[in-house]
PDB file of N, CA and C in Angstrom:
ATOM      1  N   UNK A   1     -10.410   9.744  -8.620  1.00  0.00           N
ATOM      2  CA  UNK A   1     -10.042   8.840  -7.673  1.00  0.00           C
ATOM      3  C   UNK A   1      -8.590   8.363  -7.965  1.00  0.00           C
ATOM      4  N   UNK A   2      -8.295   7.906  -9.086  1.00  0.00           N
ATOM      5  CA  UNK A   2      -6.882   7.311  -9.608  1.00  0.00           C
ATOM      6  C   UNK A   2      -6.601   7.859 -10.925  1.00  0.00           C
ATOM      7  N   UNK A   3      -5.378   7.938 -11.068  1.00  0.00           N
ATOM      8  CA  UNK A   3      -4.853   8.326 -12.395  1.00  0.00           C
ATOM      9  C   UNK A   3      -4.478   7.162 -13.224  1.00  0.00           C
ATOM     10  N   UNK A   4      -4.415   7.275 -14.441  1.00  0.00           N
ATOM     11  CA  UNK A   4      -3.912   6.123 -15.330  1.00  0.00           C
ATOM     12  C   UNK A   4      -2.481   5.930 -14.833  1.00  0.00           C
ATOM     13  N   UNK A   5      -2.027   4.497 -14.776  1.00  0.00           N
ATOM     14  CA  UNK A   5      -0.835   4.088 -14.383  1.00  0.00           C
ATOM     15  C   UNK A   5      -0.663   3.994 -12.930  1.00  0.00           C
ATOM     16  N   UNK A   6      -1.589   4.417 -12.044  1.00  0.00           N
ATOM     17  CA  UNK A   6      -1.526   4.262 -10.721  1.00  0.00           C
ATOM     18  C   UNK A   6      -1.187   2.632 -10.239  1.00  0.00           C
ATOM     19  N   UNK A   7      -0.503   2.423  -9.400  1.00  0.00           N
ATOM     20  CA  UNK A   7      -0.261   0.896  -9.025  1.00  0.00           C
ATOM     21  C   UNK A   7      -0.602   0.880  -7.554  1.00  0.00           C
ATOM     22  N   UNK A   8      -1.410   1.456  -6.997  1.00  0.00           N
ATOM     23  CA  UNK A   8      -1.567   1.481  -5.661  1.00  0.00           C
ATOM     24  C   UNK A   8      -2.585   0.363  -5.006  1.00  0.00           C
ATOM     25  N   UNK A   9      -2.245   0.185  -3.855  1.00  0.00           N
ATOM     26  CA  UNK A   9      -3.144  -0.702  -3.168  1.00  0.00           C
ATOM     27  C   UNK A   9      -4.276  -0.193  -2.434  1.00  0.00           C
ATOM     28  N   UNK A  10      -5.479  -0.600  -2.641  1.00  0.00           N
ATOM     29  CA  UNK A  10      -6.626   0.023  -2.238  1.00  0.00           C
ATOM     30  C   UNK A  10      -7.718  -0.970  -1.632  1.00  0.00           C
ATOM     31  N   UNK A  11      -8.502  -0.308  -0.877  1.00  0.00           N
ATOM     32  CA  UNK A  11      -9.744  -1.071  -0.379  1.00  0.00           C
ATOM     33  C   UNK A  11     -10.990  -0.661  -0.885  1.00  0.00           C
ATOM     34  N   UNK A  12     -11.849  -1.556  -1.437  1.00  0.00           N
ATOM     35  CA  UNK A  12     -13.255  -1.156  -1.801  1.00  0.00           C
ATOM     36  C   UNK A  12     -14.191  -1.373  -0.680  1.00  0.00           C
ATOM     37  N   UNK A  13     -14.888  -0.597  -0.130  1.00  0.00           N
ATOM     38  CA  UNK A  13     -15.853  -0.571   0.996  1.00  0.00           C
ATOM     39  C   UNK A  13     -17.127  -0.991   0.240  1.00  0.00           C
ATOM     40  N   UNK A  14     -18.041  -1.656   1.174  1.00  0.00           N
ATOM     41  CA  UNK A  14     -19.285  -2.169   0.773  1.00  0.00           C
ATOM     42  C   UNK A  14     -20.510  -0.783   1.136  1.00  0.00           C
ATOM     43  N   UNK A  15     -19.910   0.530   0.882  1.00  0.00           N
ATOM     44  CA  UNK A  15     -20.603   1.537   1.379  1.00  0.00           C
ATOM     45  C   UNK A  15     -20.474   2.522   0.110  1.00  0.00           C
ATOM     46  N   UNK A  16     -21.708   2.992  -0.382  1.00  0.00           N
ATOM     47  CA  UNK A  16     -21.787   4.071  -1.411  1.00  0.00           C
ATOM     48  C   UNK A  16     -21.335   5.333  -0.976  1.00  0.00           C
ATOM     49  N   UNK A  17     -20.906   6.094  -1.914  1.00  0.00           N
ATOM     50  CA  UNK A  17     -20.748   7.676  -1.391  1.00  0.00           C
ATOM     51  C   UNK A  17     -21.545   8.308  -0.692  1.00  0.00           C
ATOM     52  N   UNK A  18     -22.913   7.935  -0.929  1.00  0.00           N
ATOM     53  CA  UNK A  18     -23.936   8.528  -0.250  1.00  0.00           C
ATOM     54  C   UNK A  18     -24.200   7.941   1.149  1.00  0.00           C
ATOM     55  N   UNK A  19     -23.337   6.803   1.411  1.00  0.00           N
ATOM     56  CA  UNK A  19     -23.512   6.338   2.753  1.00  0.00           C
ATOM     57  C   UNK A  19     -24.433   4.995   2.931  1.00  0.00           C
ATOM     58  N   UNK A  20     -24.802   4.644   1.840  1.00  0.00           N
ATOM     59  CA  UNK A  20     -25.826   3.524   1.853  1.00  0.00           C
ATOM     60  C   UNK A  20     -25.003   2.097   1.710  1.00  0.00           C
ATOM     61  N   UNK A  21     -25.684   1.089   2.353  1.00  0.00           N
ATOM     62  CA  UNK A  21     -24.971  -0.217   2.349  1.00  0.00           C
ATOM     63  C   UNK A  21     -25.141  -0.825   0.796  1.00  0.00           C
ATOM     64  N   UNK A  22     -23.940  -1.454   0.408  1.00  0.00           N
ATOM     65  CA  UNK A  22     -23.971  -2.187  -0.868  1.00  0.00           C
ATOM     66  C   UNK A  22     -24.560  -3.305  -0.746  1.00  0.00           C
ATOM     67  N   UNK A  23     -25.307  -3.885  -1.677  1.00  0.00           N
ATOM     68  CA  UNK A  23     -26.009  -5.211  -1.805  1.00  0.00           C
ATOM     69  C   UNK A  23     -25.535  -5.714  -3.049  1.00  0.00           C
ATOM     70  N   UNK A  24     -25.650  -7.173  -3.116  1.00  0.00           N
ATOM     71  CA  UNK A  24     -26.129  -7.910  -2.144  1.00  0.00           C
ATOM     72  C   UNK A  24     -25.050  -8.158  -0.763  1.00  0.00           C
ATOM     73  N   UNK A  25     -25.337  -8.819   0.215  1.00  0.00           N
ATOM     74  CA  UNK A  25     -24.731  -8.831   1.343  1.00  0.00           C
ATOM     75  C   UNK A  25     -23.315  -9.679   1.036  1.00  0.00           C
ATOM     76  N   UNK A  26     -23.205 -10.493  -0.017  1.00  0.00           N
ATOM     77  CA  UNK A  26     -22.005 -11.297  -0.228  1.00  0.00           C
ATOM     78  C   UNK A  26     -21.350 -10.641  -1.406  1.00  0.00           C
ATOM     79  N   UNK A  27     -21.416  -9.456  -1.640  1.00  0.00           N
ATOM     80  CA  UNK A  27     -20.788  -8.808  -2.901  1.00  0.00           C
ATOM     81  C   UNK A  27     -19.244  -8.949  -2.793  1.00  0.00           C
ATOM     82  N   UNK A  28     -18.737  -8.728  -1.629  1.00  0.00           N
ATOM     83  CA  UNK A  28     -17.203  -8.934  -1.534  1.00  0.00           C
ATOM     84  C   UNK A  28     -16.573 -10.195  -1.886  1.00  0.00           C
ATOM     85  N   UNK A  29     -17.322 -11.316  -1.249  1.00  0.00           N
ATOM     86  CA  UNK A  29     -16.780 -12.738  -1.843  1.00  0.00           C
ATOM     87  C   UNK A  29     -17.097 -12.979  -3.329  1.00  0.00           C
ATOM     88  N   UNK A  30     -18.132 -12.426  -3.707  1.00  0.00           N
ATOM     89  CA  UNK A  30     -18.504 -12.752  -5.298  1.00  0.00           C
ATOM     90  C   UNK A  30     -17.304 -11.854  -6.096  1.00  0.00           C
ATOM     91  N   UNK A  31     -17.092 -10.583  -5.764  1.00  0.00           N
ATOM     92  CA  UNK A  31     -16.093  -9.917  -6.327  1.00  0.00           C
ATOM     93  C   UNK A  31     -14.561 -10.642  -6.338  1.00  0.00           C
ATOM     94  N   UNK A  32     -14.224 -10.904  -5.247  1.00  0.00           N
ATOM     95  CA  UNK A  32     -13.138 -11.607  -4.994  1.00  0.00           C
ATOM     96  C   UNK A  32     -12.941 -12.985  -5.574  1.00  0.00           C
ATOM     97  N   UNK A  33     -14.009 -13.639  -5.693  1.00  0.00           N
ATOM     98  CA  UNK A  33     -14.030 -15.078  -6.419  1.00  0.00           C
ATOM     99  C   UNK A  33     -13.659 -14.909  -7.839  1.00  0.00           C
ATOM    100  N   UNK A  34     -13.782 -13.755  -8.568  1.00  0.00           N
ATOM    101  CA  UNK A  34     -13.637 -13.646  -9.907  1.00  0.00           C
ATOM    102  C   UNK A  34     -12.216 -13.921 -10.295  1.00  0.00           C
ATOM    103  N   UNK A  35     -11.234 -13.666  -9.143  1.00  0.00           N
ATOM    104  CA  UNK A  35      -9.850 -13.958  -9.529  1.00  0.00           C
ATOM    105  C   UNK A  35      -9.216 -15.095  -8.467  1.00  0.00           C
ATOM    106  N   UNK A  36     -10.126 -16.044  -8.123  1.00  0.00           N
ATOM    107  CA  UNK A  36      -9.922 -16.964  -7.338  1.00  0.00           C
ATOM    108  C   UNK A  36      -9.606 -18.259  -8.073  1.00  0.00           C
ATOM    109  N   UNK A  37      -9.017 -19.356  -7.300  1.00  0.00           N
ATOM    110  CA  UNK A  37      -9.031 -20.648  -7.936  1.00  0.00           C
ATOM    111  C   UNK A  37      -9.489 -21.758  -7.021  1.00  0.00           C
ATOM    112  N   UNK A  38      -9.700 -22.839  -7.350  1.00  0.00           N
ATOM    113  CA  UNK A  38     -10.134 -23.922  -6.355  1.00  0.00           C
ATOM    114  C   UNK A  38      -8.922 -24.803  -6.124  1.00  0.00           C
ATOM    115  N   UNK A  39      -8.633 -25.058  -4.909  1.00  0.00           N
ATOM    116  CA  UNK A  39      -7.286 -25.854  -4.470  1.00  0.00           C
ATOM    117  C   UNK A  39      -7.719 -27.358  -4.601  1.00  0.00           C
ATOM    118  N   UNK A  40      -6.876 -27.962  -4.186  1.00  0.00           N
ATOM    119  CA  UNK A  40      -6.719 -29.456  -3.879  1.00  0.00           C
ATOM    120  C   UNK A  40      -7.933 -30.115  -3.241  1.00  0.00           C
ATOM    121  N   UNK A  41      -8.153 -29.274  -2.209  1.00  0.00           N
ATOM    122  CA  UNK A  41      -9.138 -29.546  -1.168  1.00  0.00           C
ATOM    123  C   UNK A  41     -10.678 -29.265  -1.761  1.00  0.00           C
ATOM    124  N   UNK A  42     -10.656 -28.598  -2.900  1.00  0.00           N
ATOM    125  CA  UNK A  42     -11.910 -28.000  -3.683  1.00  0.00           C
ATOM    126  C   UNK A  42     -12.572 -27.085  -2.711  1.00  0.00           C
ATOM    127  N   UNK A  43     -11.555 -26.193  -2.186  1.00  0.00           N
ATOM    128  CA  UNK A  43     -12.149 -25.034  -1.456  1.00  0.00           C
ATOM    129  C   UNK A  43     -11.543 -23.709  -2.135  1.00  0.00           C
ATOM    130  N   UNK A  44     -12.427 -22.711  -2.136  1.00  0.00           N
ATOM    131  CA  UNK A  44     -11.942 -21.530  -2.947  1.00  0.00           C
ATOM    132  C   UNK A  44     -10.745 -21.031  -2.290  1.00  0.00           C
ATOM    133  N   UNK A  45      -9.745 -20.616  -3.361  1.00  0.00           N
ATOM    134  CA  UNK A  45      -8.450 -20.028  -2.551  1.00  0.00           C
ATOM    135  C   UNK A  45      -8.379 -18.574  -3.377  1.00  0.00           C
ATOM    136  N   UNK A  46      -8.525 -17.606  -2.440  1.00  0.00           N
ATOM    137  CA  UNK A  46      -8.542 -16.160  -3.161  1.00  0.00           C
ATOM    138  C   UNK A  46      -7.157 -16.068  -3.510  1.00  0.00           C
ATOM    139  N   UNK A  47      -6.928 -15.070  -4.421  1.00  0.00           N
ATOM    140  CA  UNK A  47      -5.761 -14.530  -4.910  1.00  0.00           C
ATOM    141  C   UNK A  47      -5.148 -13.924  -3.836  1.00  0.00           C
ATOM    142  N   UNK A  48      -3.748 -13.879  -3.642  1.00  0.00           N
ATOM    143  CA  UNK A  48      -3.049 -13.139  -2.683  1.00  0.00           C
ATOM    144  C   UNK A  48      -3.126 -11.563  -2.959  1.00  0.00           C
ATOM    145  N   UNK A  49      -3.739 -11.280  -4.171  1.00  0.00           N
ATOM    146  CA  UNK A  49      -3.758  -9.850  -4.659  1.00  0.00           C
ATOM    147  C   UNK A  49      -5.054  -9.158  -4.514  1.00  0.00           C
ATOM    148  N   UNK A  50      -6.283 -10.011  -4.429  1.00  0.00           N
ATOM    149  CA  UNK A  50      -7.730  -9.685  -4.088  1.00  0.00           C
ATOM    150  C   UNK A  50      -8.273 -10.608  -3.100  1.00  0.00           C
ATOM    151  N   UNK A  51      -8.604 -10.051  -1.949  1.00  0.00           N
ATOM    152  CA  UNK A  51      -9.248 -10.699  -0.720  1.00  0.00           C
ATOM    153  C   UNK A  51     -10.381 -10.066  -0.267  1.00  0.00           C
ATOM    154  N   UNK A  52     -11.610 -10.831   0.060  1.00  0.00           N
ATOM    155  CA  UNK A  52     -12.577 -10.235   0.869  1.00  0.00           C
ATOM    156  C   UNK A  52     -12.153  -9.876   2.341  1.00  0.00           C
ATOM    157  N   UNK A  53     -13.016  -8.987   3.026  1.00  0.00           N
ATOM    158  CA  UNK A  53     -12.642  -8.944   4.517  1.00  0.00           C
ATOM    159  C   UNK A  53     -13.705  -7.896   5.123  1.00  0.00           C
ATOM    160  N   UNK A  54     -13.161  -7.483   6.079  1.00  0.00           N
ATOM    161  CA  UNK A  54     -13.824  -6.369   6.919  1.00  0.00           C
ATOM    162  C   UNK A  54     -12.957  -5.124   7.002  1.00  0.00           C
ATOM    163  N   UNK A  55     -13.614  -3.996   6.911  1.00  0.00           N
ATOM    164  CA  UNK A  55     -12.698  -2.811   7.227  1.00  0.00           C
ATOM    165  C   UNK A  55     -13.664  -1.805   8.042  1.00  0.00           C
ATOM    166  N   UNK A  56     -13.224  -1.665   9.191  1.00  0.00           N
ATOM    167  CA  UNK A  56     -13.826  -0.605  10.025  1.00  0.00           C
ATOM    168  C   UNK A  56     -15.378  -0.909  10.092  1.00  0.00           C
ATOM    169  N   UNK A  57     -15.795  -2.230  10.148  1.00  0.00           N
ATOM    170  CA  UNK A  57     -17.163  -2.610  10.304  1.00  0.00           C
ATOM    171  C   UNK A  57     -17.741  -2.870   9.015  1.00  0.00           C
ATOM    172  N   UNK A  58     -17.387  -2.721   7.921  1.00  0.00           N
ATOM    173  CA  UNK A  58     -17.785  -2.619   6.444  1.00  0.00           C
ATOM    174  C   UNK A  58     -17.326  -4.092   5.589  1.00  0.00           C
ATOM    175  N   UNK A  59     -17.927  -4.626   5.108  1.00  0.00           N
ATOM    176  CA  UNK A  59     -17.521  -5.644   3.865  1.00  0.00           C
ATOM    177  C   UNK A  59     -16.739  -4.715   3.182  1.00  0.00           C
ATOM    178  N   UNK A  60     -15.553  -5.435   2.729  1.00  0.00           N
ATOM    179  CA  UNK A  60     -14.440  -4.833   1.901  1.00  0.00           C
ATOM    180  C   UNK A  60     -13.779  -5.951   1.026  1.00  0.00           C
ATOM    181  N   UNK A  61     -13.300  -5.304  -0.024  1.00  0.00           N
ATOM    182  CA  UNK A  61     -12.378  -6.068  -0.813  1.00  0.00           C
ATOM    183  C   UNK A  61     -10.974  -5.309  -0.795  1.00  0.00           C
ATOM    184  N   UNK A  62      -9.978  -6.242  -0.463  1.00  0.00           N
ATOM    185  CA  UNK A  62      -8.435  -5.524  -0.307  1.00  0.00           C
ATOM    186  C   UNK A  62      -7.850  -5.885  -1.604  1.00  0.00           C
ATOM    187  N   UNK A  63      -7.412  -4.928  -2.202  1.00  0.00           N
ATOM    188  CA  UNK A  63      -6.669  -4.973  -3.607  1.00  0.00           C
ATOM    189  C   UNK A  63      -5.169  -4.547  -3.398  1.00  0.00           C
ATOM    190  N   UNK A  64      -4.344  -5.574  -3.774  1.00  0.00           N
ATOM    191  CA  UNK A  64      -2.985  -5.282  -3.744  1.00  0.00           C
ATOM    192  C   UNK A  64      -2.522  -4.609  -5.049  1.00  0.00           C
ATOM    193  N   UNK A  65      -1.633  -3.633  -4.725  1.00  0.00           N
ATOM    194  CA  UNK A  65      -1.312  -2.751  -5.843  1.00  0.00           C
ATOM    195  C   UNK A  65      -0.547  -3.549  -7.036  1.00  0.00           C
ATOM    196  N   UNK A  66       0.311  -4.463  -6.618  1.00  0.00           N
ATOM    197  CA  UNK A  66       1.075  -5.201  -7.465  1.00  0.00           C
ATOM    198  C   UNK A  66       0.333  -6.158  -8.537  1.00  0.00           C
ATOM    199  N   UNK A  67      -0.915  -6.055  -8.299  1.00  0.00           N
ATOM    200  CA  UNK A  67      -1.915  -6.741  -9.399  1.00  0.00           C
ATOM    201  C   UNK A  67      -1.911  -5.968 -10.452  1.00  0.00           C
ATOM    202  N   UNK A  68      -1.529  -4.737 -10.424  1.00  0.00           N
ATOM    203  CA  UNK A  68      -1.650  -3.891 -11.740  1.00  0.00           C
ATOM    204  C   UNK A  68      -0.623  -4.359 -12.665  1.00  0.00           C
ATOM    205  N   UNK A  69       0.563  -4.705 -12.030  1.00  0.00           N
ATOM    206  CA  UNK A  69       1.528  -5.158 -13.128  1.00  0.00           C
ATOM    207  C   UNK A  69       1.427  -6.568 -13.746  1.00  0.00           C
ATOM    208  N   UNK A  70       0.691  -7.391 -12.786  1.00  0.00           N
ATOM    209  CA  UNK A  70       0.498  -8.732 -13.116  1.00  0.00           C
ATOM    210  C   UNK A  70      -0.623  -9.222 -13.931  1.00  0.00           C
ATOM    211  N   UNK A  71      -1.601  -8.406 -13.639  1.00  0.00           N
ATOM    212  CA  UNK A  71      -2.851  -8.560 -14.391  1.00  0.00           C
ATOM    213  C   UNK A  71      -3.529  -7.078 -14.493  1.00  0.00           C
ATOM    214  N   UNK A  72      -3.004  -6.342 -15.448  1.00  0.00           N
ATOM    215  CA  UNK A  72      -3.552  -4.840 -15.542  1.00  0.00           C
ATOM    216  C   UNK A  72      -5.054  -4.741 -15.692  1.00  0.00           C
ATOM    217  N   UNK A  73      -5.763  -5.751 -16.547  1.00  0.00           N
ATOM    218  CA  UNK A  73      -7.250  -5.638 -16.832  1.00  0.00           C
ATOM    219  C   UNK A  73      -7.749  -5.961 -15.608  1.00  0.00           C
ATOM    220  N   UNK A  74      -7.398  -6.842 -14.819  1.00  0.00           N
ATOM    221  CA  UNK A  74      -8.166  -7.292 -13.599  1.00  0.00           C
ATOM    222  C   UNK A  74      -8.182  -6.015 -12.643  1.00  0.00           C
ATOM    223  N   UNK A  75      -6.864  -5.583 -12.559  1.00  0.00           N
ATOM    224  CA  UNK A  75      -6.761  -4.358 -11.631  1.00  0.00           C
ATOM    225  C   UNK A  75      -7.732  -3.300 -11.910  1.00  0.00           C
ATOM    226  N   UNK A  76      -7.765  -2.790 -13.319  1.00  0.00           N
ATOM    227  CA  UNK A  76      -8.644  -1.811 -13.940  1.00  0.00           C
ATOM    228  C   UNK A  76     -10.102  -2.242 -13.838  1.00  0.00           C
ATOM    229  N   UNK A  77     -10.477  -3.528 -13.735  1.00  0.00           N
ATOM    230  CA  UNK A  77     -11.894  -3.927 -13.605  1.00  0.00           C
ATOM    231  C   UNK A  77     -12.336  -3.631 -12.058  1.00  0.00           C
ATOM    232  N   UNK A  78     -11.427  -3.862 -11.230  1.00  0.00           N
ATOM    233  CA  UNK A  78     -11.711  -3.495  -9.790  1.00  0.00           C
ATOM    234  C   UNK A  78     -11.852  -2.208  -9.497  1.00  0.00           C
ATOM    235  N   UNK A  79     -11.103  -1.355 -10.186  1.00  0.00           N
ATOM    236  CA  UNK A  79     -11.285   0.043  -9.985  1.00  0.00           C
ATOM    237  C   UNK A  79     -12.625   0.565 -10.570  1.00  0.00           C
ATOM    238  N   UNK A  80     -12.994  -0.016 -11.708  1.00  0.00           N
ATOM    239  CA  UNK A  80     -14.128   0.404 -12.448  1.00  0.00           C
ATOM    240  C   UNK A  80     -15.339  -0.111 -11.647  1.00  0.00           C
ATOM    241  N   UNK A  81     -15.253  -1.232 -11.108  1.00  0.00           N
ATOM    242  CA  UNK A  81     -16.299  -1.968 -10.288  1.00  0.00           C
ATOM    243  C   UNK A  81     -16.613  -0.847  -9.196  1.00  0.00           C
ATOM    244  N   UNK A  82     -15.781  -0.362  -8.515  1.00  0.00           N
ATOM    245  CA  UNK A  82     -15.915   0.578  -7.508  1.00  0.00           C
ATOM    246  C   UNK A  82     -16.374   1.936  -7.892  1.00  0.00           C
ATOM    247  N   UNK A  83     -16.083   2.552  -9.020  1.00  0.00           N
ATOM    248  CA  UNK A  83     -16.356   3.691  -9.577  1.00  0.00           C
ATOM    249  C   UNK A  83     -17.812   3.768 -10.209  1.00  0.00           C
ATOM    250  N   UNK A  84     -18.069   2.589 -10.965  1.00  0.00           N
ATOM    251  CA  UNK A  84     -19.469   2.281 -11.417  1.00  0.00           C
ATOM    252  C   UNK A  84     -20.578   2.136 -10.482  1.00  0.00           C
ATOM    253  N   UNK A  85     -20.097   1.519  -9.201  1.00  0.00           N
ATOM    254  CA  UNK A  85     -21.172   1.251  -8.211  1.00  0.00           C
ATOM    255  C   UNK A  85     -21.083   2.576  -7.087  1.00  0.00           C
ATOM    256  N   UNK A  86     -20.408   3.428  -7.390  1.00  0.00           N
ATOM    257  CA  UNK A  86     -20.206   4.643  -6.471  1.00  0.00           C
ATOM    258  C   UNK A  86     -19.914   4.333  -5.176  1.00  0.00           C
ATOM    259  N   UNK A  87     -18.844   3.246  -4.949  1.00  0.00           N
ATOM    260  CA  UNK A  87     -18.548   2.872  -3.716  1.00  0.00           C
ATOM    261  C   UNK A  87     -17.226   3.506  -3.261  1.00  0.00           C
ATOM    262  N   UNK A  88     -17.160   3.839  -1.823  1.00  0.00           N
ATOM    263  CA  UNK A  88     -16.096   4.354  -1.179  1.00  0.00           C
ATOM    264  C   UNK A  88     -14.783   3.411  -1.329  1.00  0.00           C
ATOM    265  N   UNK A  89     -13.693   4.113  -1.679  1.00  0.00           N
ATOM    266  CA  UNK A  89     -12.383   3.457  -1.680  1.00  0.00           C
ATOM    267  C   UNK A  89     -11.428   4.178  -0.631  1.00  0.00           C
ATOM    268  N   UNK A  90     -10.724   3.241   0.030  1.00  0.00           N
ATOM    269  CA  UNK A  90      -9.629   3.768   0.863  1.00  0.00           C
ATOM    270  C   UNK A  90      -8.282   3.430   0.211  1.00  0.00           C
ATOM    271  N   UNK A  91      -7.428   4.412  -0.024  1.00  0.00           N
ATOM    272  CA  UNK A  91      -6.285   4.342  -0.591  1.00  0.00           C
ATOM    273  C   UNK A  91      -5.234   3.887   0.240  1.00  0.00           C
ATOM    274  N   UNK A  92      -4.560   2.774  -0.040  1.00  0.00           N
ATOM    275  CA  UNK A  92      -3.504   2.132   0.803  1.00  0.00           C
ATOM    276  C   UNK A  92      -2.136   2.183   0.280  1.00  0.00           C
ATOM    277  N   UNK A  93      -1.808   3.521  -0.279  1.00  0.00           N
ATOM    278  CA  UNK A  93      -0.733   3.613  -1.153  1.00  0.00           C
ATOM    279  C   UNK A  93       0.547   3.103  -0.265  1.00  0.00           C
ATOM    280  N   UNK A  94       0.404   3.515   0.881  1.00  0.00           N
ATOM    281  CA  UNK A  94       1.805   3.236   1.640  1.00  0.00           C
ATOM    282  C   UNK A  94       1.804   1.600   2.033  1.00  0.00           C
ATOM    283  N   UNK A  95       0.660   0.939   1.758  1.00  0.00           N
ATOM    284  CA  UNK A  95       0.651  -0.387   2.317  1.00  0.00           C
ATOM    285  C   UNK A  95       1.517  -1.482   1.594  1.00  0.00           C
ATOM    286  N   UNK A  96       2.252  -2.154   2.056  1.00  0.00           N
ATOM    287  CA  UNK A  96       3.226  -2.905   1.440  1.00  0.00           C
ATOM    288  C   UNK A  96       2.333  -4.234   1.016  1.00  0.00           C
ATOM    289  N   UNK A  97       1.510  -4.621   1.628  1.00  0.00           N
ATOM    290  CA  UNK A  97       0.652  -5.881   1.383  1.00  0.00           C
ATOM    291  C   UNK A  97      -0.793  -5.756   1.994  1.00  0.00           C
ATOM    292  N   UNK A  98      -1.556  -6.684   1.381  1.00  0.00           N
ATOM    293  CA  UNK A  98      -3.172  -6.754   1.890  1.00  0.00           C
ATOM    294  C   UNK A  98      -3.188  -7.028   3.301  1.00  0.00           C
ATOM    295  N   UNK A  99      -3.886  -6.452   4.042  1.00  0.00           N
ATOM    296  CA  UNK A  99      -4.142  -6.666   5.487  1.00  0.00           C
ATOM    297  C   UNK A  99      -5.593  -6.460   5.982  1.00  0.00           C
ATOM    298  N   UNK A 100      -5.984  -7.259   6.824  1.00  0.00           N
ATOM    299  CA  UNK A 100      -7.428  -7.061   7.240  1.00  0.00           C
ATOM    300  C   UNK A 100      -7.745  -7.574   8.590  1.00  0.00           C
TER     301      UNK A 100
END
């Protein structure tokens, strides 16, 4: 999927390589919250580099490639999460920023 040293933006889809829906249904929020903080309003503020959303009708996590330089362990954790759970990943190499 990726080579060591890649700094690509990518999207983790809530669909396994076999086409099954990934559970639990709030997985994208949970995964994104690992890099979130609480703002002054006591609401979750997602990182600008890791956000939950939808992609073509599937729950997804959008990962900005710049995270690799800022927090390489977090970036690698997200890549490993997708690999270990056999999730589909959309390479957004040419994407300058997260969008959904």
